[in-house]
C-alpha cells in the first residue's frame, strides 16, 4: 500500500507568491503503481486536476512532484510518498 501525504497544489502564474492549497492525504490501494508517472496520474484522476503535463524524476524517491494542465493553466503538485 502506498500513501501520498502533504499534497499541495498551486497554480503557476506570473505572481510572485502563488496561493498554495492543501489536498487530503491519499491512499493508493494498488501496489503496482510504483512509477511516479502512474502515481501522478492516479492523483490527477482522484482529485480531477486536469491532464498530466510532466513529472519531475530528479527528486528523491520519497517525493512526488508533477505539473498538470487544468483549464489551460499550469498546476504544480507536490507531496510525499510513504510505502508500507
N, C-alpha and C. Protein backbone atom coordinates (compact mmCIF):
# COMPACT_ATOMS: atom_id res chain seq x y z
N UNK A 1 0.84 -1.17 0.00
CA UNK A 1 0.00 0.00 0.00
C UNK A 1 0.89 1.24 0.00
N UNK A 2 0.50 2.23 -0.74
CA UNK A 2 1.24 3.48 -0.85
C UNK A 2 0.36 4.62 -0.34
N UNK A 3 0.96 5.50 0.45
CA UNK A 3 0.23 6.65 0.98
C UNK A 3 0.91 7.92 0.50
N UNK A 4 0.14 8.83 -0.07
CA UNK A 4 0.64 10.13 -0.50
C UNK A 4 0.20 11.16 0.53
N UNK A 5 1.18 11.82 1.16
CA UNK A 5 0.88 12.77 2.23
C UNK A 5 1.39 14.16 1.88
N UNK A 6 0.89 15.14 2.60
CA UNK A 6 1.28 16.55 2.45
C UNK A 6 1.18 17.00 1.00
N UNK A 7 0.10 16.59 0.34
CA UNK A 7 -0.12 17.01 -1.05
C UNK A 7 -0.52 18.47 -1.09
N UNK A 8 0.14 19.24 -1.95
CA UNK A 8 -0.17 20.66 -2.12
C UNK A 8 -0.23 20.98 -3.60
N UNK A 9 -1.15 21.84 -3.96
CA UNK A 9 -1.24 22.28 -5.35
C UNK A 9 -1.19 23.80 -5.39
N UNK A 10 -0.59 24.31 -6.46
CA UNK A 10 -0.56 25.75 -6.68
C UNK A 10 -0.54 26.02 -8.17
N UNK A 11 -1.29 27.03 -8.56
CA UNK A 11 -1.33 27.43 -9.96
C UNK A 11 -0.10 28.26 -10.28
N UNK A 12 0.53 27.96 -11.39
CA UNK A 12 1.72 28.68 -11.82
C UNK A 12 1.28 29.84 -12.69
N UNK A 13 1.46 31.06 -12.19
CA UNK A 13 1.15 32.25 -12.98
C UNK A 13 2.24 33.27 -12.73
N UNK A 14 2.01 34.47 -13.14
CA UNK A 14 3.06 35.49 -13.11
C UNK A 14 3.20 36.18 -11.76
N UNK A 15 2.41 35.83 -10.79
CA UNK A 15 2.54 36.47 -9.47
C UNK A 15 3.68 35.80 -8.70
N UNK A 16 4.28 36.57 -7.79
CA UNK A 16 5.46 36.09 -7.09
C UNK A 16 5.16 34.96 -6.11
N UNK A 17 4.08 35.06 -5.37
CA UNK A 17 3.75 34.06 -4.36
C UNK A 17 2.39 33.44 -4.67
N UNK A 18 2.36 32.33 -5.41
CA UNK A 18 1.07 31.72 -5.73
C UNK A 18 0.41 31.12 -4.49
N UNK A 19 -0.90 31.07 -4.51
CA UNK A 19 -1.65 30.50 -3.40
C UNK A 19 -1.50 28.99 -3.40
N UNK A 20 -1.14 28.45 -2.26
CA UNK A 20 -0.98 27.01 -2.10
C UNK A 20 -2.22 26.44 -1.44
N UNK A 21 -2.75 25.36 -2.01
CA UNK A 21 -3.93 24.70 -1.48
C UNK A 21 -3.55 23.29 -1.06
N UNK A 22 -3.87 22.92 0.16
CA UNK A 22 -3.56 21.57 0.65
C UNK A 22 -4.64 20.60 0.19
N UNK A 23 -4.22 19.40 -0.18
CA UNK A 23 -5.13 18.33 -0.55
C UNK A 23 -5.10 17.26 0.53
N UNK A 24 -6.16 16.49 0.63
CA UNK A 24 -6.23 15.42 1.61
C UNK A 24 -5.19 14.34 1.28
N UNK A 25 -4.72 13.65 2.32
CA UNK A 25 -3.82 12.52 2.09
C UNK A 25 -4.54 11.46 1.26
N UNK A 26 -3.78 10.74 0.48
CA UNK A 26 -4.36 9.80 -0.46
C UNK A 26 -3.71 8.44 -0.27
N UNK A 27 -4.52 7.41 -0.12
CA UNK A 27 -4.02 6.05 -0.01
C UNK A 27 -4.24 5.35 -1.34
N UNK A 28 -3.16 4.82 -1.89
CA UNK A 28 -3.21 4.13 -3.18
C UNK A 28 -3.29 2.63 -2.88
N UNK A 29 -4.44 2.00 -3.13
CA UNK A 29 -4.58 0.59 -2.77
C UNK A 29 -3.82 -0.34 -3.71
N UNK A 30 -3.54 0.09 -4.92
CA UNK A 30 -2.87 -0.76 -5.89
C UNK A 30 -1.36 -0.65 -5.72
N UNK A 31 -0.72 -1.73 -5.41
CA UNK A 31 0.72 -1.69 -5.19
C UNK A 31 1.51 -1.71 -6.49
N UNK A 32 0.84 -1.90 -7.63
CA UNK A 32 1.56 -1.92 -8.90
C UNK A 32 1.81 -0.52 -9.45
N UNK A 33 1.37 0.51 -8.75
CA UNK A 33 1.61 1.89 -9.18
C UNK A 33 2.90 2.40 -8.54
N UNK A 34 4.02 1.83 -8.93
CA UNK A 34 5.29 2.23 -8.34
C UNK A 34 5.95 3.38 -9.09
N UNK A 35 5.67 3.54 -10.37
CA UNK A 35 6.27 4.63 -11.14
C UNK A 35 5.63 5.95 -10.74
N UNK A 36 6.44 7.00 -10.68
CA UNK A 36 5.93 8.31 -10.28
C UNK A 36 4.89 8.83 -11.26
N UNK A 37 5.05 8.52 -12.54
CA UNK A 37 4.07 8.97 -13.53
C UNK A 37 2.71 8.31 -13.26
N UNK A 38 2.70 7.05 -12.87
CA UNK A 38 1.45 6.37 -12.55
C UNK A 38 0.82 6.94 -11.28
N UNK A 39 1.65 7.26 -10.28
CA UNK A 39 1.13 7.87 -9.06
C UNK A 39 0.57 9.27 -9.35
N UNK A 40 1.24 10.01 -10.21
CA UNK A 40 0.76 11.34 -10.59
C UNK A 40 -0.58 11.23 -11.31
N UNK A 41 -0.70 10.28 -12.22
CA UNK A 41 -1.96 10.12 -12.96
C UNK A 41 -3.09 9.69 -12.03
N UNK A 42 -2.79 8.82 -11.06
CA UNK A 42 -3.79 8.39 -10.08
C UNK A 42 -4.26 9.59 -9.25
N UNK A 43 -3.32 10.46 -8.85
CA UNK A 43 -3.68 11.66 -8.07
C UNK A 43 -4.54 12.60 -8.91
N UNK A 44 -4.17 12.78 -10.15
CA UNK A 44 -4.94 13.65 -11.05
C UNK A 44 -6.35 13.12 -11.23
N UNK A 45 -6.48 11.83 -11.43
CA UNK A 45 -7.80 11.23 -11.61
C UNK A 45 -8.64 11.33 -10.34
N UNK A 46 -8.01 11.17 -9.18
CA UNK A 46 -8.74 11.21 -7.91
C UNK A 46 -9.26 12.61 -7.61
N UNK A 47 -8.44 13.63 -7.81
CA UNK A 47 -8.82 14.99 -7.47
C UNK A 47 -9.31 15.81 -8.66
N UNK A 48 -9.42 15.19 -9.83
CA UNK A 48 -9.90 15.85 -11.05
C UNK A 48 -9.09 17.13 -11.32
N UNK A 49 -7.79 16.94 -11.52
CA UNK A 49 -6.88 18.07 -11.69
C UNK A 49 -6.55 18.38 -13.15
N UNK A 50 -7.20 17.74 -14.07
CA UNK A 50 -6.91 18.01 -15.48
C UNK A 50 -6.15 16.88 -16.11
N UNK A 51 -5.10 17.22 -16.89
CA UNK A 51 -4.30 16.19 -17.54
C UNK A 51 -2.82 16.39 -17.22
N UNK A 52 -2.11 15.29 -17.15
CA UNK A 52 -0.70 15.29 -16.77
C UNK A 52 0.14 16.02 -17.82
N UNK A 53 1.02 16.90 -17.36
CA UNK A 53 1.92 17.62 -18.25
C UNK A 53 3.33 17.05 -18.14
N UNK A 54 3.89 16.99 -16.94
CA UNK A 54 5.23 16.44 -16.75
C UNK A 54 5.41 15.98 -15.32
N UNK A 55 6.34 15.03 -15.14
CA UNK A 55 6.67 14.51 -13.82
C UNK A 55 8.16 14.74 -13.61
N UNK A 56 8.51 15.31 -12.48
CA UNK A 56 9.92 15.54 -12.17
C UNK A 56 10.51 14.25 -11.63
N UNK A 57 11.54 13.76 -12.28
CA UNK A 57 12.16 12.49 -11.89
C UNK A 57 13.50 12.68 -11.20
N UNK A 58 13.96 13.91 -11.09
CA UNK A 58 15.27 14.17 -10.49
C UNK A 58 15.20 14.42 -8.99
N UNK A 59 14.04 14.26 -8.39
CA UNK A 59 13.89 14.45 -6.94
C UNK A 59 14.04 13.11 -6.25
N UNK A 60 14.10 13.12 -4.93
CA UNK A 60 14.24 11.89 -4.15
C UNK A 60 13.09 10.93 -4.40
N UNK A 61 13.32 9.65 -4.08
CA UNK A 61 12.31 8.62 -4.32
C UNK A 61 11.05 8.84 -3.49
N UNK A 62 11.16 9.53 -2.36
CA UNK A 62 10.01 9.70 -1.49
C UNK A 62 9.22 10.98 -1.77
N UNK A 63 9.55 11.70 -2.85
CA UNK A 63 8.86 12.95 -3.19
C UNK A 63 8.17 12.80 -4.54
N UNK A 64 6.90 13.21 -4.58
CA UNK A 64 6.14 13.25 -5.82
C UNK A 64 6.01 14.71 -6.24
N UNK A 65 6.42 15.02 -7.46
CA UNK A 65 6.44 16.39 -7.94
C UNK A 65 6.07 16.37 -9.42
N UNK A 66 4.92 16.98 -9.76
CA UNK A 66 4.48 16.98 -11.15
C UNK A 66 3.67 18.22 -11.46
N UNK A 67 3.51 18.49 -12.76
CA UNK A 67 2.66 19.58 -13.22
C UNK A 67 1.57 19.00 -14.11
N UNK A 68 0.44 19.67 -14.11
CA UNK A 68 -0.67 19.24 -14.97
C UNK A 68 -1.37 20.48 -15.52
N UNK A 69 -2.15 20.26 -16.55
CA UNK A 69 -2.90 21.33 -17.19
C UNK A 69 -4.36 21.25 -16.75
N UNK A 70 -4.86 22.34 -16.19
CA UNK A 70 -6.25 22.42 -15.75
C UNK A 70 -6.85 23.70 -16.33
N UNK A 71 -7.73 23.55 -17.31
CA UNK A 71 -8.35 24.70 -17.99
C UNK A 71 -7.31 25.66 -18.55
N UNK A 72 -6.32 25.12 -19.25
CA UNK A 72 -5.22 25.87 -19.87
C UNK A 72 -4.37 26.65 -18.87
N UNK A 73 -4.36 26.21 -17.63
CA UNK A 73 -3.49 26.79 -16.60
C UNK A 73 -2.59 25.69 -16.07
N UNK A 74 -1.33 26.03 -15.83
CA UNK A 74 -0.40 25.06 -15.26
C UNK A 74 -0.62 24.95 -13.76
N UNK A 75 -0.66 23.73 -13.28
CA UNK A 75 -0.87 23.44 -11.87
C UNK A 75 0.29 22.60 -11.39
N UNK A 76 0.96 23.02 -10.32
CA UNK A 76 2.11 22.32 -9.77
C UNK A 76 1.66 21.59 -8.50
N UNK A 77 1.93 20.28 -8.43
CA UNK A 77 1.51 19.47 -7.29
C UNK A 77 2.74 18.79 -6.70
N UNK A 78 2.87 18.85 -5.38
CA UNK A 78 3.97 18.18 -4.68
C UNK A 78 3.41 17.38 -3.51
N UNK A 79 4.15 16.39 -3.07
CA UNK A 79 3.75 15.58 -1.94
C UNK A 79 4.82 14.56 -1.59
N UNK A 80 4.58 13.81 -0.53
CA UNK A 80 5.50 12.79 -0.07
C UNK A 80 4.91 11.41 -0.33
N UNK A 81 5.77 10.46 -0.67
CA UNK A 81 5.37 9.08 -0.92
C UNK A 81 5.82 8.23 0.25
N UNK A 82 4.88 7.57 0.91
CA UNK A 82 5.19 6.67 2.01
C UNK A 82 4.73 5.27 1.62
N UNK A 83 5.58 4.29 1.79
CA UNK A 83 5.23 2.90 1.47
C UNK A 83 5.18 2.07 2.74
N UNK A 84 4.31 1.08 2.72
CA UNK A 84 4.18 0.17 3.87
C UNK A 84 4.81 -1.16 3.55
